[in-house]
Amino acid sequence: DITLAWPTTSILLPNPHRNVQALRIDAARHL
């Protein structure tokens, strides 16, 4: 029963596809 805390900087992924994913998810949250 563990919770892993990853560095917050790892959320900004270098993969452009992943960044597009994040933008779409954020837009969907507002819409």
All heavy atoms as atom14 arrays in JSON, in Angstrom:
{
  "sequence": "DITLAWPTTSILLPNPHRNVQALRIDAARHL",
  "atom14_mask": [
    [1, 1, 1, 1, 1, 1, 1, 1, 0, 0, 0, 0, 0, 0],
    [1, 1, 1, 1, 1, 1, 1, 1, 0, 0, 0, 0, 0, 0],
    [1, 1, 1, 1, 1, 1, 1, 0, 0, 0, 0, 0, 0, 0],
    [1, 1, 1, 1, 1, 1, 1, 1, 0, 0, 0, 0, 0, 0],
    [1, 1, 1, 1, 1, 0, 0, 0, 0, 0, 0, 0, 0, 0],
    [1, 1, 1, 1, 1, 1, 1, 1, 1, 1, 1, 1, 1, 1],
    [1, 1, 1, 1, 1, 1, 1, 0, 0, 0, 0, 0, 0, 0],
    [1, 1, 1, 1, 1, 1, 1, 0, 0, 0, 0, 0, 0, 0],
    [1, 1, 1, 1, 1, 1, 1, 0, 0, 0, 0, 0, 0, 0],
    [1, 1, 1, 1, 1, 1, 0, 0, 0, 0, 0, 0, 0, 0],
    [1, 1, 1, 1, 1, 1, 1, 1, 0, 0, 0, 0, 0, 0],
    [1, 1, 1, 1, 1, 1, 1, 1, 0, 0, 0, 0, 0, 0],
    [1, 1, 1, 1, 1, 1, 1, 1, 0, 0, 0, 0, 0, 0],
    [1, 1, 1, 1, 1, 1, 1, 0, 0, 0, 0, 0, 0, 0],
    [1, 1, 1, 1, 1, 1, 1, 1, 0, 0, 0, 0, 0, 0],
    [1, 1, 1, 1, 1, 1, 1, 0, 0, 0, 0, 0, 0, 0],
    [1, 1, 1, 1, 1, 1, 1, 1, 1, 1, 0, 0, 0, 0],
    [1, 1, 1, 1, 1, 1, 1, 1, 1, 1, 1, 0, 0, 0],
    [1, 1, 1, 1, 1, 1, 1, 1, 0, 0, 0, 0, 0, 0],
    [1, 1, 1, 1, 1, 1, 1, 0, 0, 0, 0, 0, 0, 0],
    [1, 1, 1, 1, 1, 1, 1, 1, 1, 0, 0, 0, 0, 0],
    [1, 1, 1, 1, 1, 0, 0, 0, 0, 0, 0, 0, 0, 0],
    [1, 1, 1, 1, 1, 1, 1, 1, 0, 0, 0, 0, 0, 0],
    [1, 1, 1, 1, 1, 1, 1, 1, 1, 1, 1, 0, 0, 0],
    [1, 1, 1, 1, 1, 1, 1, 1, 0, 0, 0, 0, 0, 0],
    [1, 1, 1, 1, 1, 1, 1, 1, 0, 0, 0, 0, 0, 0],
    [1, 1, 1, 1, 1, 0, 0, 0, 0, 0, 0, 0, 0, 0],
    [1, 1, 1, 1, 1, 0, 0, 0, 0, 0, 0, 0, 0, 0],
    [1, 1, 1, 1, 1, 1, 1, 1, 1, 1, 1, 0, 0, 0],
    [1, 1, 1, 1, 1, 1, 1, 1, 1, 1, 0, 0, 0, 0],
    [1, 1, 1, 1, 1, 1, 1, 1, 0, 0, 0, 0, 0, 0]
  ],
  "atom14_positions": [
    [[0.86, -1.19, 0.0], [0.0, 0.0, 0.0], [0.9, 1.24, 0.0], [1.18, 1.82, 1.03], [-0.92, -0.02, 1.23], [-1.86, 1.19, 1.27], [-1.97, 1.88, 0.24], [-2.45, 1.44, 2.33], [0.0, 0.0, 0.0], [0.0, 0.0, 0.0], [0.0, 0.0, 0.0], [0.0, 0.0, 0.0], [0.0, 0.0, 0.0], [0.0, 0.0, 0.0]],
    [[1.35, 1.62, -1.18], [2.31, 2.72, -1.29], [1.81, 3.75, -2.29], [1.03, 3.44, -3.19], [3.71, 2.22, -1.7], [3.66, 1.6, -3.1], [4.26, 1.24, -0.68], [5.03, 1.27, -3.64], [0.0, 0.0, 0.0], [0.0, 0.0, 0.0], [0.0, 0.0, 0.0], [0.0, 0.0, 0.0], [0.0, 0.0, 0.0], [0.0, 0.0, 0.0]],
    [[2.26, 4.97, -2.12], [1.98, 6.06, -3.05], [3.32, 6.65, -3.5], [4.1, 7.1, -2.66], [1.12, 7.15, -2.4], [-0.11, 6.58, -1.96], [0.82, 8.27, -3.4], [0.0, 0.0, 0.0], [0.0, 0.0, 0.0], [0.0, 0.0, 0.0], [0.0, 0.0, 0.0], [0.0, 0.0, 0.0], [0.0, 0.0, 0.0], [0.0, 0.0, 0.0]],
    [[3.56, 6.62, -4.8], [4.82, 7.12, -5.34], [4.67, 8.58, -5.71], [3.74, 8.95, -6.44], [5.22, 6.3, -6.58], [5.27, 4.78, -6.4], [5.64, 4.12, -7.72], [6.26, 4.39, -5.32], [0.0, 0.0, 0.0], [0.0, 0.0, 0.0], [0.0, 0.0, 0.0], [0.0, 0.0, 0.0], [0.0, 0.0, 0.0], [0.0, 0.0, 0.0]],
    [[5.55, 9.43, -5.23], [5.53, 10.86, -5.54], [6.61, 11.14, -6.59], [7.81, 11.13, -6.29], [5.77, 11.7, -4.29], [0.0, 0.0, 0.0], [0.0, 0.0, 0.0], [0.0, 0.0, 0.0], [0.0, 0.0, 0.0], [0.0, 0.0, 0.0], [0.0, 0.0, 0.0], [0.0, 0.0, 0.0], [0.0, 0.0, 0.0], [0.0, 0.0, 0.0]],
    [[6.16, 11.37, -7.82], [7.09, 11.68, -8.91], [7.35, 13.19, -8.94], [6.49, 13.98, -8.54], [6.5, 11.24, -10.24], [6.15, 9.8, -10.28], [4.99, 9.23, -9.86], [6.97, 8.72, -10.75], [5.02, 7.86, -10.03], [6.23, 7.52, -10.59], [8.24, 8.65, -11.31], [6.72, 6.27, -10.95], [8.73, 7.4, -11.68], [7.99, 6.25, -11.5]],
    [[8.48, 13.63, -9.4], [8.75, 15.08, -9.49], [7.72, 15.76, -10.38], [7.29, 15.21, -11.41], [10.15, 15.14, -10.1], [10.76, 13.81, -9.82], [9.63, 12.83, -9.82], [0.0, 0.0, 0.0], [0.0, 0.0, 0.0], [0.0, 0.0, 0.0], [0.0, 0.0, 0.0], [0.0, 0.0, 0.0], [0.0, 0.0, 0.0], [0.0, 0.0, 0.0]],
    [[7.3, 16.96, -9.99], [6.29, 17.67, -10.77], [6.79, 18.04, -12.16], [6.0, 18.17, -13.09], [5.88, 18.95, -10.04], [7.06, 19.74, -9.76], [5.19, 18.63, -8.73], [0.0, 0.0, 0.0], [0.0, 0.0, 0.0], [0.0, 0.0, 0.0], [0.0, 0.0, 0.0], [0.0, 0.0, 0.0], [0.0, 0.0, 0.0], [0.0, 0.0, 0.0]],
    [[8.08, 18.16, -12.31], [8.61, 18.51, -13.64], [8.41, 17.39, -14.64], [8.4, 17.64, -15.84], [10.11, 18.83, -13.55], [10.79, 17.72, -12.91], [10.35, 20.09, -12.75], [0.0, 0.0, 0.0], [0.0, 0.0, 0.0], [0.0, 0.0, 0.0], [0.0, 0.0, 0.0], [0.0, 0.0, 0.0], [0.0, 0.0, 0.0], [0.0, 0.0, 0.0]],
    [[8.19, 16.16, -14.15], [8.0, 15.06, -15.08], [6.66, 15.12, -15.78], [6.42, 14.42, -16.75], [8.12, 13.72, -14.35], [7.08, 13.59, -13.4], [0.0, 0.0, 0.0], [0.0, 0.0, 0.0], [0.0, 0.0, 0.0], [0.0, 0.0, 0.0], [0.0, 0.0, 0.0], [0.0, 0.0, 0.0], [0.0, 0.0, 0.0], [0.0, 0.0, 0.0]],
    [[5.75, 15.96, -15.29], [4.44, 16.1, -15.94], [4.59, 16.79, -17.29], [3.84, 16.53, -18.23], [3.49, 16.9, -15.02], [3.26, 16.11, -13.73], [2.17, 17.17, -15.7], [2.44, 16.84, -12.71], [0.0, 0.0, 0.0], [0.0, 0.0, 0.0], [0.0, 0.0, 0.0], [0.0, 0.0, 0.0], [0.0, 0.0, 0.0], [0.0, 0.0, 0.0]],
    [[5.58, 17.67, -17.42], [5.81, 18.35, -18.7], [6.64, 17.43, -19.57], [7.86, 17.42, -19.53], [6.55, 19.68, -18.45], [5.78, 20.67, -17.55], [6.64, 21.89, -17.28], [4.46, 21.07, -18.18], [0.0, 0.0, 0.0], [0.0, 0.0, 0.0], [0.0, 0.0, 0.0], [0.0, 0.0, 0.0], [0.0, 0.0, 0.0], [0.0, 0.0, 0.0]],
    [[5.97, 16.62, -20.31], [6.64, 15.57, -21.06], [7.28, 16.11, -22.34], [6.71, 16.96, -23.01], [5.62, 14.48, -21.41], [4.93, 13.86, -20.19], [3.76, 13.01, -20.62], [5.92, 13.02, -19.4], [0.0, 0.0, 0.0], [0.0, 0.0, 0.0], [0.0, 0.0, 0.0], [0.0, 0.0, 0.0], [0.0, 0.0, 0.0], [0.0, 0.0, 0.0]],
    [[8.45, 15.6, -22.69], [9.11, 16.1, -23.91], [8.44, 15.6, -25.18], [8.62, 16.15, -26.24], [10.53, 15.54, -23.79], [10.4, 14.33, -22.91], [9.29, 14.64, -21.95], [0.0, 0.0, 0.0], [0.0, 0.0, 0.0], [0.0, 0.0, 0.0], [0.0, 0.0, 0.0], [0.0, 0.0, 0.0], [0.0, 0.0, 0.0], [0.0, 0.0, 0.0]],
    [[7.65, 14.51, -25.09], [6.99, 13.96, -26.25], [5.88, 14.91, -26.72], [4.94, 15.18, -25.98], [6.38, 12.59, -25.89], [5.83, 11.87, -27.11], [5.46, 12.5, -28.1], [5.77, 10.55, -27.02], [0.0, 0.0, 0.0], [0.0, 0.0, 0.0], [0.0, 0.0, 0.0], [0.0, 0.0, 0.0], [0.0, 0.0, 0.0], [0.0, 0.0, 0.0]],
    [[5.97, 15.46, -27.95], [4.94, 16.4, -28.41], [3.54, 15.79, -28.41], [2.57, 16.48, -28.12], [5.4, 16.75, -29.84], [6.85, 16.43, -29.87], [7.04, 15.27, -28.94], [0.0, 0.0, 0.0], [0.0, 0.0, 0.0], [0.0, 0.0, 0.0], [0.0, 0.0, 0.0], [0.0, 0.0, 0.0], [0.0, 0.0, 0.0], [0.0, 0.0, 0.0]],
    [[3.44, 14.5, -28.73], [2.13, 13.85, -28.72], [1.51, 13.88, -27.34], [0.3, 14.13, -27.19], [2.27, 12.41, -29.21], [1.0, 11.62, -29.11], [-0.12, 11.91, -29.85], [0.67, 10.57, -28.3], [-1.09, 11.06, -29.55], [-0.64, 10.24, -28.6], [0.0, 0.0, 0.0], [0.0, 0.0, 0.0], [0.0, 0.0, 0.0], [0.0, 0.0, 0.0]],
    [[2.32, 13.67, -26.31], [1.8, 13.7, -24.95], [1.37, 15.11, -24.55], [0.38, 15.27, -23.83], [2.87, 13.18, -23.98], [3.32, 11.78, -24.23], [2.28, 10.78, -23.78], [2.42, 10.46, -22.39], [1.71, 9.56, -21.75], [0.78, 8.87, -22.39], [1.89, 9.32, -20.47], [0.0, 0.0, 0.0], [0.0, 0.0, 0.0], [0.0, 0.0, 0.0]],
    [[2.08, 16.11, -25.02], [1.68, 17.48, -24.71], [0.35, 17.82, -25.38], [-0.48, 18.52, -24.81], [2.77, 18.46, -25.17], [4.0, 18.39, -24.29], [3.9, 18.03, -23.11], [5.14, 18.71, -24.84], [0.0, 0.0, 0.0], [0.0, 0.0, 0.0], [0.0, 0.0, 0.0], [0.0, 0.0, 0.0], [0.0, 0.0, 0.0], [0.0, 0.0, 0.0]],
    [[0.15, 17.34, -26.61], [-1.13, 17.55, -27.29], [-2.24, 16.85, -26.52], [-3.35, 17.39, -26.36], [-1.06, 17.05, -28.74], [-2.44, 17.06, -29.38], [-0.1, 17.91, -29.55], [0.0, 0.0, 0.0], [0.0, 0.0, 0.0], [0.0, 0.0, 0.0], [0.0, 0.0, 0.0], [0.0, 0.0, 0.0], [0.0, 0.0, 0.0], [0.0, 0.0, 0.0]],
    [[-1.97, 15.65, -26.02], [-2.94, 14.94, -25.21], [-3.36, 15.77, -24.0], [-4.55, 15.9, -23.7], [-2.37, 13.61, -24.72], [-2.44, 12.47, -25.71], [-1.94, 11.19, -25.09], [-0.9, 11.17, -24.43], [-2.68, 10.11, -25.29], [0.0, 0.0, 0.0], [0.0, 0.0, 0.0], [0.0, 0.0, 0.0], [0.0, 0.0, 0.0], [0.0, 0.0, 0.0]],
    [[-2.37, 16.32, -23.3], [-2.66, 17.1, -22.11], [-3.52, 18.32, -22.44], [-4.43, 18.68, -21.69], [-1.36, 17.53, -21.43], [0.0, 0.0, 0.0], [0.0, 0.0, 0.0], [0.0, 0.0, 0.0], [0.0, 0.0, 0.0], [0.0, 0.0, 0.0], [0.0, 0.0, 0.0], [0.0, 0.0, 0.0], [0.0, 0.0, 0.0], [0.0, 0.0, 0.0]],
    [[-3.23, 18.97, -23.57], [-4.01, 20.14, -23.97], [-5.46, 19.75, -24.29], [-6.4, 20.47, -23.94], [-3.35, 20.8, -25.18], [-2.01, 21.5, -24.93], [-1.41, 21.98, -26.25], [-2.2, 22.67, -23.97], [0.0, 0.0, 0.0], [0.0, 0.0, 0.0], [0.0, 0.0, 0.0], [0.0, 0.0, 0.0], [0.0, 0.0, 0.0], [0.0, 0.0, 0.0]],
    [[-5.65, 18.62, -24.95], [-7.0, 18.18, -25.27], [-7.79, 17.84, -24.01], [-8.97, 18.17, -23.88], [-6.94, 16.96, -26.19], [-6.55, 17.28, -27.62], [-6.33, 16.02, -28.44], [-6.07, 16.32, -29.84], [-5.57, 15.46, -30.72], [-5.29, 14.21, -30.31], [-5.38, 15.81, -31.97], [0.0, 0.0, 0.0], [0.0, 0.0, 0.0], [0.0, 0.0, 0.0]],
    [[-7.13, 17.18, -23.07], [-7.8, 16.82, -21.82], [-8.21, 18.07, -21.05], [-9.31, 18.16, -20.5], [-6.88, 15.91, -20.97], [-6.64, 14.59, -21.69], [-7.49, 15.66, -19.6], [-5.54, 13.74, -21.07], [0.0, 0.0, 0.0], [0.0, 0.0, 0.0], [0.0, 0.0, 0.0], [0.0, 0.0, 0.0], [0.0, 0.0, 0.0], [0.0, 0.0, 0.0]],
    [[-7.3, 19.05, -21.0], [-7.61, 20.29, -20.29], [-8.76, 21.04, -20.96], [-9.64, 21.58, -20.29], [-6.37, 21.17, -20.22], [-6.56, 22.39, -19.32], [-6.84, 22.2, -18.13], [-6.47, 23.52, -19.84], [0.0, 0.0, 0.0], [0.0, 0.0, 0.0], [0.0, 0.0, 0.0], [0.0, 0.0, 0.0], [0.0, 0.0, 0.0], [0.0, 0.0, 0.0]],
    [[-8.76, 21.07, -22.3], [-9.86, 21.72, -23.02], [-11.18, 21.01, -22.77], [-12.23, 21.65, -22.59], [-9.54, 21.77, -24.51], [0.0, 0.0, 0.0], [0.0, 0.0, 0.0], [0.0, 0.0, 0.0], [0.0, 0.0, 0.0], [0.0, 0.0, 0.0], [0.0, 0.0, 0.0], [0.0, 0.0, 0.0], [0.0, 0.0, 0.0], [0.0, 0.0, 0.0]],
    [[-11.14, 19.68, -22.74], [-12.37, 18.92, -22.48], [-12.91, 19.19, -21.09], [-14.13, 19.23, -20.88], [-12.08, 17.42, -22.66], [0.0, 0.0, 0.0], [0.0, 0.0, 0.0], [0.0, 0.0, 0.0], [0.0, 0.0, 0.0], [0.0, 0.0, 0.0], [0.0, 0.0, 0.0], [0.0, 0.0, 0.0], [0.0, 0.0, 0.0], [0.0, 0.0, 0.0]],
    [[-12.02, 19.38, -20.13], [-12.47, 19.68, -18.77], [-13.27, 20.97, -18.73], [-14.3, 21.07, -18.04], [-11.26, 19.77, -17.83], [-11.61, 20.12, -16.39], [-10.37, 20.02, -15.52], [-9.36, 20.99, -15.9], [-9.33, 22.24, -15.45], [-10.26, 22.67, -14.62], [-8.37, 23.05, -15.83], [0.0, 0.0, 0.0], [0.0, 0.0, 0.0], [0.0, 0.0, 0.0]],
    [[-12.84, 21.97, -19.47], [-13.55, 23.25, -19.49], [-14.84, 23.18, -20.31], [-15.8, 23.92, -20.04], [-12.64, 24.35, -20.05], [-11.48, 24.69, -19.15], [-11.64, 25.38, -17.97], [-10.15, 24.41, -19.26], [-10.46, 25.52, -17.38], [-9.54, 24.95, -18.14], [0.0, 0.0, 0.0], [0.0, 0.0, 0.0], [0.0, 0.0, 0.0], [0.0, 0.0, 0.0]],
    [[-14.89, 22.3, -21.29], [-16.05, 22.22, -22.18], [-17.12, 21.26, -21.69], [-18.25, 21.29, -22.19], [-15.61, 21.78, -23.58], [-14.85, 22.8, -24.43], [-14.27, 22.13, -25.66], [-15.78, 23.95, -24.84], [0.0, 0.0, 0.0], [0.0, 0.0, 0.0], [0.0, 0.0, 0.0], [0.0, 0.0, 0.0], [0.0, 0.0, 0.0], [0.0, 0.0, 0.0]]
  ]
}
